[in-house]
């Protein structure tokens, strides 16, 4: 495959996903209004108008159509199972967006999708690259840990989808980062096409998700982003484990892969810990996310989204600049920076709320 063919496929995969998503949303909005499929405002939620929640369907259409058309399944046989897992996630998400599912039913759907990717496509984390002295993982531990990792990433994006444009913007940054890496280091370039297909679908959606949002992605969209990111993260790690002609082996691959989605991962762990400490269900929504702190400080939805997106870009940049430092140092530095950032947001949020109450 020539360099022109590769770039041609990537560009047209991006454009196909973008226009498919962009042109799918207006009819989805019309159908949602006709059938009264809205996310109703309430005191817990941050929007004030009834808004359709089926934007994830447009993201699914854009991504699946583009990746099916432009990727070569002969190079990546497991992509058929990735498509299957995405459809499972979409079915669960659509049902939850329309009639609301219990957390256990949603979790079972996520578990089925994760199992399809790990077991049927044999896409799993096979090594810890020396973290805690562990190299290759036994098969059952590899399967279990990989399913767990996928579930965490799915819920990281599901949880962070709380304000206009945030989940889509973080998804765009992460998919671009993965796409660039796979373009340079993946021997058959199929995962670069995959990543940029998601980028295009998310940008098409984001046009309608800007404040004031005309549509939300719902659980369909956020969980779809999560499962694709999980698949790309595992491929990133395995690409460095199975060194080839065009592959630079990064011994810090696990941390680099997770740095690309570090902010959603940090936020989901943080809010779950807070909920458990307070004796609440980890799946019961609250207003302790990072974007809530920014809103408390007076930021608009789009400004809060911009701040968090720029911070995620900063984390990715730092991680790759320090790729030679190894997993421990990269992870430690990213964690310290994010904790300091969170502490600053928390103190400023507390101060702003105090001034508001006193006023």
Protein backbone atom coordinates (compact mmCIF):
# COMPACT_ATOMS: atom_id res chain seq x y z
CA UNK A 1 0.00 0.00 0.00
CA UNK A 2 1.54 3.31 -1.11
CA UNK A 3 1.79 6.37 1.10
CA UNK A 4 -0.81 8.10 -1.10
CA UNK A 5 -3.27 5.22 -0.73
CA UNK A 6 -2.87 5.29 3.04
CA UNK A 7 -3.43 9.02 3.36
CA UNK A 8 -6.26 8.83 0.82
CA UNK A 9 -8.05 6.17 2.90
CA UNK A 10 -7.54 8.05 6.16
CA UNK A 11 -8.76 11.35 4.71
CA UNK A 12 -11.83 9.84 3.08
CA UNK A 13 -12.60 7.77 6.18
CA UNK A 14 -12.62 11.00 8.18
CA UNK A 15 -14.79 12.83 5.64
CA UNK A 16 -17.20 9.91 5.23
CA UNK A 17 -17.76 9.67 8.98
CA UNK A 18 -18.03 13.45 9.32
CA UNK A 19 -20.69 13.94 6.65
CA UNK A 20 -22.62 10.79 7.62
CA UNK A 21 -22.84 11.97 11.23
CA UNK A 22 -23.52 15.59 10.29
CA UNK A 23 -26.37 14.80 7.90
CA UNK A 24 -27.87 12.10 10.14
CA UNK A 25 -28.53 14.40 13.07
CA UNK A 26 -31.30 16.69 11.66
CA UNK A 27 -33.65 13.76 10.86
CA UNK A 28 -32.82 12.18 14.24
CA UNK A 29 -33.76 15.45 15.95
CA UNK A 30 -37.03 15.60 13.98
CA UNK A 31 -37.91 11.99 14.86
CA UNK A 32 -37.07 12.59 18.53
CA UNK A 33 -39.34 15.65 18.60
CA UNK A 34 -42.12 13.80 16.79
CA UNK A 35 -41.96 10.86 19.23
CA UNK A 36 -41.24 13.12 22.23
CA UNK A 37 -37.93 11.39 23.00
CA UNK A 38 -36.39 14.10 25.16
CA UNK A 39 -34.07 14.42 28.10
CA UNK A 40 -36.30 16.36 30.46
CA UNK A 41 -34.65 19.04 32.63
CA UNK A 42 -34.66 18.56 36.40
CA UNK A 43 -32.76 19.99 39.40
CA UNK A 44 -29.94 17.45 39.04
CA UNK A 45 -29.32 18.15 35.36
CA UNK A 46 -27.57 21.14 33.86
CA UNK A 47 -29.79 21.87 30.86
CA UNK A 48 -33.00 23.88 31.02
CA UNK A 49 -34.79 22.82 27.84
CA UNK A 50 -36.10 19.48 26.63
CA UNK A 51 -33.35 18.09 24.40
CA UNK A 52 -33.22 14.96 22.21
CA UNK A 53 -30.73 12.38 23.47
CA UNK A 54 -30.21 10.14 20.44
CA UNK A 55 -27.12 11.82 18.98
CA UNK A 56 -25.14 8.66 19.66
CA UNK A 57 -27.02 7.01 16.77
CA UNK A 58 -25.46 9.52 14.34
CA UNK A 59 -22.01 8.84 15.80
CA UNK A 60 -22.63 5.11 15.38
CA UNK A 61 -23.79 5.55 11.76
CA UNK A 62 -20.80 7.70 10.88
CA UNK A 63 -18.24 5.46 12.53
CA UNK A 64 -19.58 2.07 11.40
CA UNK A 65 -20.24 3.15 7.81
CA UNK A 66 -16.84 4.78 7.42
CA UNK A 67 -14.77 2.06 9.05
CA UNK A 68 -16.64 -0.68 7.17
CA UNK A 69 -16.12 1.09 3.85
CA UNK A 70 -12.49 2.20 4.19
CA UNK A 71 -10.76 -0.40 6.38
CA UNK A 72 -9.53 -3.72 5.00
CA UNK A 73 -10.89 -6.53 7.18
CA UNK A 74 -8.31 -8.86 5.63
CA UNK A 75 -5.60 -6.97 7.53
CA UNK A 76 -7.59 -6.85 10.78
CA UNK A 77 -9.93 -9.84 10.97
CA UNK A 78 -11.07 -8.88 14.47
CA UNK A 79 -12.84 -5.74 13.23
CA UNK A 80 -16.01 -7.74 12.58
CA UNK A 81 -16.21 -8.39 16.32
CA UNK A 82 -15.50 -4.73 17.08
CA UNK A 83 -18.53 -3.86 14.93
CA UNK A 84 -20.60 -6.46 16.80
CA UNK A 85 -19.53 -5.06 20.19
CA UNK A 86 -20.38 -1.51 19.06
CA UNK A 87 -23.86 -2.64 18.02
CA UNK A 88 -24.40 -4.32 21.42
CA UNK A 89 -23.33 -1.10 23.17
CA UNK A 90 -25.59 0.95 20.89
CA UNK A 91 -28.64 -1.24 21.58
CA UNK A 92 -28.12 -0.94 25.34
CA UNK A 93 -27.46 2.79 25.04
CA UNK A 94 -30.52 3.49 22.88
CA UNK A 95 -32.79 1.61 25.25
CA UNK A 96 -31.31 3.48 28.23
CA UNK A 97 -31.71 6.83 26.46
CA UNK A 98 -35.35 6.12 25.68
CA UNK A 99 -36.74 4.22 28.69
CA UNK A 100 -33.85 4.26 31.20
CA UNK A 101 -32.17 1.02 32.27
CA UNK A 102 -31.10 0.01 35.74
CA UNK A 103 -27.33 0.18 36.35
CA UNK A 104 -27.11 -3.64 36.54
CA UNK A 105 -28.78 -4.13 33.14
CA UNK A 106 -26.53 -1.50 31.58
CA UNK A 107 -23.49 -3.18 33.16
CA UNK A 108 -24.51 -6.58 31.77
CA UNK A 109 -24.70 -5.06 28.28
CA UNK A 110 -21.26 -3.49 28.71
CA UNK A 111 -19.90 -6.82 29.95
CA UNK A 112 -21.24 -8.65 26.90
CA UNK A 113 -19.67 -6.09 24.54
CA UNK A 114 -16.32 -6.22 26.37
CA UNK A 115 -16.33 -10.02 26.32
CA UNK A 116 -16.95 -10.07 22.56
CA UNK A 117 -13.90 -7.89 21.99
CA UNK A 118 -11.62 -9.79 24.36
CA UNK A 119 -12.69 -13.40 23.75
CA UNK A 120 -13.93 -13.53 20.17
CA UNK A 121 -11.48 -11.05 18.65
CA UNK A 122 -8.68 -12.11 21.02
CA UNK A 123 -7.95 -8.44 21.61
CA UNK A 124 -6.50 -8.34 25.10
CA UNK A 125 -3.66 -6.94 27.17
CA UNK A 126 -1.01 -9.65 27.20
CA UNK A 127 1.78 -7.91 29.10
CA UNK A 128 2.25 -5.34 31.86
CA UNK A 129 5.69 -4.36 30.52
CA UNK A 130 7.36 -4.93 33.89
CA UNK A 131 4.89 -2.93 36.01
CA UNK A 132 5.07 -4.41 39.53
CA UNK A 133 7.61 -6.82 38.08
CA UNK A 134 4.99 -8.46 35.84
CA UNK A 135 5.70 -9.16 32.18
CA UNK A 136 3.49 -11.64 30.28
CA UNK A 137 0.05 -12.34 31.75
CA UNK A 138 -1.44 -15.84 31.99
CA UNK A 139 -4.38 -16.28 29.61
CA UNK A 140 -7.22 -16.14 32.18
CA UNK A 141 -5.70 -13.16 33.98
CA UNK A 142 -5.17 -11.45 30.62
CA UNK A 143 -8.82 -11.99 29.67
CA UNK A 144 -10.16 -10.86 33.05
CA UNK A 145 -7.94 -7.79 33.27
CA UNK A 146 -8.71 -6.78 29.68
CA UNK A 147 -12.48 -7.01 30.23
CA UNK A 148 -12.11 -4.98 33.43
CA UNK A 149 -10.06 -2.34 31.59
CA UNK A 150 -12.67 -2.03 28.83
CA UNK A 151 -15.48 -1.64 31.38
CA UNK A 152 -13.58 1.10 33.21
CA UNK A 153 -12.92 3.05 30.00
CA UNK A 154 -16.53 2.71 28.81
CA UNK A 155 -17.79 4.12 32.10
CA UNK A 156 -15.12 6.82 32.19
CA UNK A 157 -16.58 8.38 29.04
CA UNK A 158 -20.13 7.59 30.15
CA UNK A 159 -19.62 9.41 33.45
CA UNK A 160 -17.85 12.47 32.02
CA UNK A 161 -20.62 13.22 29.52
CA UNK A 162 -22.20 15.93 31.64
CA UNK A 163 -21.98 19.23 29.75
CA UNK A 164 -22.25 20.40 26.16
CA UNK A 165 -19.42 19.22 23.97
CA UNK A 166 -17.22 17.66 26.66
CA UNK A 167 -17.34 13.92 25.88
CA UNK A 168 -17.18 14.62 22.15
CA UNK A 169 -14.24 17.03 22.50
CA UNK A 170 -12.24 14.66 24.70
CA UNK A 171 -13.09 11.84 22.30
CA UNK A 172 -11.84 13.92 19.37
CA UNK A 173 -8.53 14.71 21.06
CA UNK A 174 -8.00 11.09 22.10
CA UNK A 175 -8.93 9.61 18.72
CA UNK A 176 -6.62 12.07 16.93
CA UNK A 177 -3.77 11.13 19.29
CA UNK A 178 -4.30 7.42 18.72
CA UNK A 179 -4.74 8.01 14.99
CA UNK A 180 -1.47 9.91 14.63
CA UNK A 181 0.41 7.23 16.55
CA UNK A 182 -1.07 4.40 14.48
CA UNK A 183 -0.36 6.31 11.25
CA UNK A 184 3.35 6.35 12.05
CA UNK A 185 3.76 3.00 13.79
CA UNK A 186 0.99 0.59 12.73
CA UNK A 187 2.29 -1.60 9.86
CA UNK A 188 -1.10 -1.87 8.09
CA UNK A 189 -2.57 1.52 9.12
CA UNK A 190 -6.05 0.10 9.72
CA UNK A 191 -6.30 1.44 13.26
CA UNK A 192 -5.37 4.92 12.06
CA UNK A 193 -8.35 4.71 9.68
CA UNK A 194 -10.48 3.51 12.58
CA UNK A 195 -9.38 6.36 14.86
CA UNK A 196 -9.95 9.07 12.27
CA UNK A 197 -13.36 7.60 11.41
CA UNK A 198 -14.35 8.20 15.02
CA UNK A 199 -12.83 11.69 14.88
CA UNK A 200 -14.96 12.59 11.87
CA UNK A 201 -18.14 11.19 13.39
CA UNK A 202 -17.57 13.14 16.62
CA UNK A 203 -16.82 16.44 14.87
CA UNK A 204 -20.02 16.04 12.84
CA UNK A 205 -21.94 15.49 16.07
CA UNK A 206 -20.18 18.32 17.92
CA UNK A 207 -21.55 20.86 15.44
CA UNK A 208 -25.01 20.23 16.92
CA UNK A 209 -23.82 19.68 20.49
CA UNK A 210 -22.40 23.17 20.98
CA UNK A 211 -24.20 25.44 23.42
CA UNK A 212 -27.12 25.71 23.15
CA UNK A 213 -27.08 22.00 22.37
CA UNK A 214 -29.66 20.86 19.85
CA UNK A 215 -29.01 17.21 20.73
CA UNK A 216 -27.13 15.11 23.30
CA UNK A 217 -25.15 11.97 22.50
CA UNK A 218 -26.77 10.08 25.39
CA UNK A 219 -25.40 6.84 26.75
CA UNK A 220 -25.39 5.49 23.20
CA UNK A 221 -22.69 7.95 22.19
CA UNK A 222 -20.64 8.10 25.37
CA UNK A 223 -20.44 4.31 25.77
CA UNK A 224 -19.63 3.94 22.08
CA UNK A 225 -16.72 6.36 22.43
CA UNK A 226 -15.59 4.42 25.50
CA UNK A 227 -15.53 1.00 23.87
CA UNK A 228 -13.71 2.29 20.77
CA UNK A 229 -11.16 4.07 22.96
CA UNK A 230 -10.66 0.88 24.96
CA UNK A 231 -10.04 -1.09 21.79
CA UNK A 232 -7.56 1.51 20.51
CA UNK A 233 -5.77 1.62 23.87
CA UNK A 234 -5.30 -2.16 23.91
CA UNK A 235 -4.11 -2.12 20.29
CA UNK A 236 -1.65 0.64 21.24
CA UNK A 237 -0.22 -1.50 24.03
CA UNK A 238 -0.04 -4.66 21.92
CA UNK A 239 1.57 -2.79 19.03
CA UNK A 240 4.50 -2.06 21.29
CA UNK A 241 4.57 -5.62 22.60
CA UNK A 242 4.71 -7.18 19.13
CA UNK A 243 7.53 -5.18 17.59
CA UNK A 244 7.66 -5.11 13.81
CA UNK A 245 9.59 -3.43 11.05
CA UNK A 246 7.94 -0.03 11.47
CA UNK A 247 7.25 -0.22 15.20
CA UNK A 248 9.19 1.56 17.92
CA UNK A 249 8.82 -0.46 21.09
CA UNK A 250 7.91 1.80 24.00
CA UNK A 251 8.48 0.05 27.30
CA UNK A 252 6.15 2.66 28.81
CA UNK A 253 3.34 1.68 26.39
CA UNK A 254 0.64 0.99 29.05
CA UNK A 255 1.01 4.43 30.62
CA UNK A 256 1.30 6.18 27.26
CA UNK A 257 -1.87 4.46 26.06
CA UNK A 258 -3.77 5.51 29.17
CA UNK A 259 -2.35 9.06 29.10
CA UNK A 260 -4.39 9.67 25.96
CA UNK A 261 -7.59 9.10 27.98
CA UNK A 262 -6.14 10.02 31.38
CA UNK A 263 -8.59 12.79 32.29
CA UNK A 264 -11.79 10.72 31.92
CA UNK A 265 -10.11 7.83 33.77
CA UNK A 266 -9.00 10.09 36.62
CA UNK A 267 -12.43 11.70 36.89
CA UNK A 268 -14.35 8.42 37.03
CA UNK A 269 -12.06 6.99 39.74
CA UNK A 270 -12.26 10.24 41.69
CA UNK A 271 -16.07 10.51 41.69
CA UNK A 272 -16.53 6.81 42.50
CA UNK A 273 -14.22 7.15 45.52
CA UNK A 274 -16.14 10.24 46.68
CA UNK A 275 -19.47 8.43 46.35
CA UNK A 276 -18.25 5.35 48.20
CA UNK A 277 -16.72 7.44 51.01
CA UNK A 278 -20.08 9.19 51.39
CA UNK A 279 -21.90 5.86 51.50
CA UNK A 280 -23.64 6.32 48.14
CA UNK A 281 -23.95 4.07 45.13
CA UNK A 282 -21.03 4.60 42.70
CA UNK A 283 -23.60 4.67 39.87
CA UNK A 284 -25.82 7.36 41.40
CA UNK A 285 -25.15 10.69 39.61
CA UNK A 286 -23.98 13.74 41.54
CA UNK A 287 -22.25 17.06 40.89
CA UNK A 288 -18.68 16.22 41.88
CA UNK A 289 -17.15 15.95 38.41
CA UNK A 290 -14.39 18.30 37.30
CA UNK A 291 -16.76 20.07 34.92
CA UNK A 292 -19.10 20.80 37.83
CA UNK A 293 -16.24 22.57 39.64
CA UNK A 294 -15.66 24.75 36.58
CA UNK A 295 -19.37 25.54 36.31
CA UNK A 296 -19.38 26.53 40.00
CA UNK A 297 -16.57 28.96 39.18
CA UNK A 298 -18.82 30.67 36.63
CA UNK A 299 -17.56 29.03 33.45
CA UNK A 300 -20.03 28.37 30.67
CA UNK A 301 -20.42 24.85 29.27
CA UNK A 302 -18.20 25.54 26.28
CA UNK A 303 -15.53 27.35 28.30
CA UNK A 304 -15.42 24.49 30.81
CA UNK A 305 -15.16 22.05 27.90
CA UNK A 306 -12.31 24.09 26.41
CA UNK A 307 -10.39 24.16 29.71
CA UNK A 308 -10.66 20.40 30.22
CA UNK A 309 -9.85 19.65 26.58
CA UNK A 310 -6.72 21.82 26.69
CA UNK A 311 -5.71 20.16 29.95
CA UNK A 312 -6.07 16.72 28.34
CA UNK A 313 -3.86 17.89 25.45
CA UNK A 314 -1.30 19.04 28.03
CA UNK A 315 -1.32 15.63 29.74
CA UNK A 316 -0.85 13.79 26.43
CA UNK A 317 2.00 16.10 25.43
CA UNK A 318 3.80 15.69 28.76
CA UNK A 319 3.42 11.90 28.66
CA UNK A 320 4.91 11.55 25.18
CA UNK A 321 7.71 14.02 25.88
CA UNK A 322 8.62 11.85 28.88
CA UNK A 323 8.14 8.49 27.11
CA UNK A 324 11.72 7.48 27.95
CA UNK A 325 11.11 7.86 31.70
CA UNK A 326 9.13 4.62 32.04
CA UNK A 327 5.69 3.75 33.36
CA UNK A 328 6.24 4.71 37.01
CA UNK A 329 7.55 8.21 36.40
CA UNK A 330 5.06 9.08 33.66
CA UNK A 331 2.13 7.84 35.74
CA UNK A 332 3.37 9.64 38.86
CA UNK A 333 3.91 12.96 37.05
CA UNK A 334 0.52 12.85 35.33
CA UNK A 335 -1.20 12.01 38.61
CA UNK A 336 0.52 14.85 40.52
CA UNK A 337 -0.29 17.40 37.81
CA UNK A 338 -3.94 16.28 37.69
CA UNK A 339 -4.28 16.29 41.48
CA UNK A 340 -2.88 19.84 41.63
CA UNK A 341 -5.26 20.89 38.86
CA UNK A 342 -8.19 19.31 40.73
CA UNK A 343 -7.14 20.95 44.01
CA UNK A 344 -7.05 24.34 42.30
CA UNK A 345 -10.51 23.82 40.76
CA UNK A 346 -11.90 22.62 44.10
CA UNK A 347 -10.58 25.59 46.09
CA UNK A 348 -11.72 28.12 43.48
CA UNK A 349 -15.13 26.42 43.22
CA UNK A 350 -15.54 26.49 46.98
CA UNK A 351 -14.57 30.16 47.08
CA UNK A 352 -17.00 31.04 44.27
CA UNK A 353 -19.87 29.19 45.95
CA UNK A 354 -19.13 30.93 49.26
CA UNK A 355 -19.17 34.35 47.64
CA UNK A 356 -22.42 33.49 45.86
CA UNK A 357 -24.09 32.38 49.10
CA UNK A 358 -22.87 35.46 50.96
CA UNK A 359 -24.07 37.69 48.13
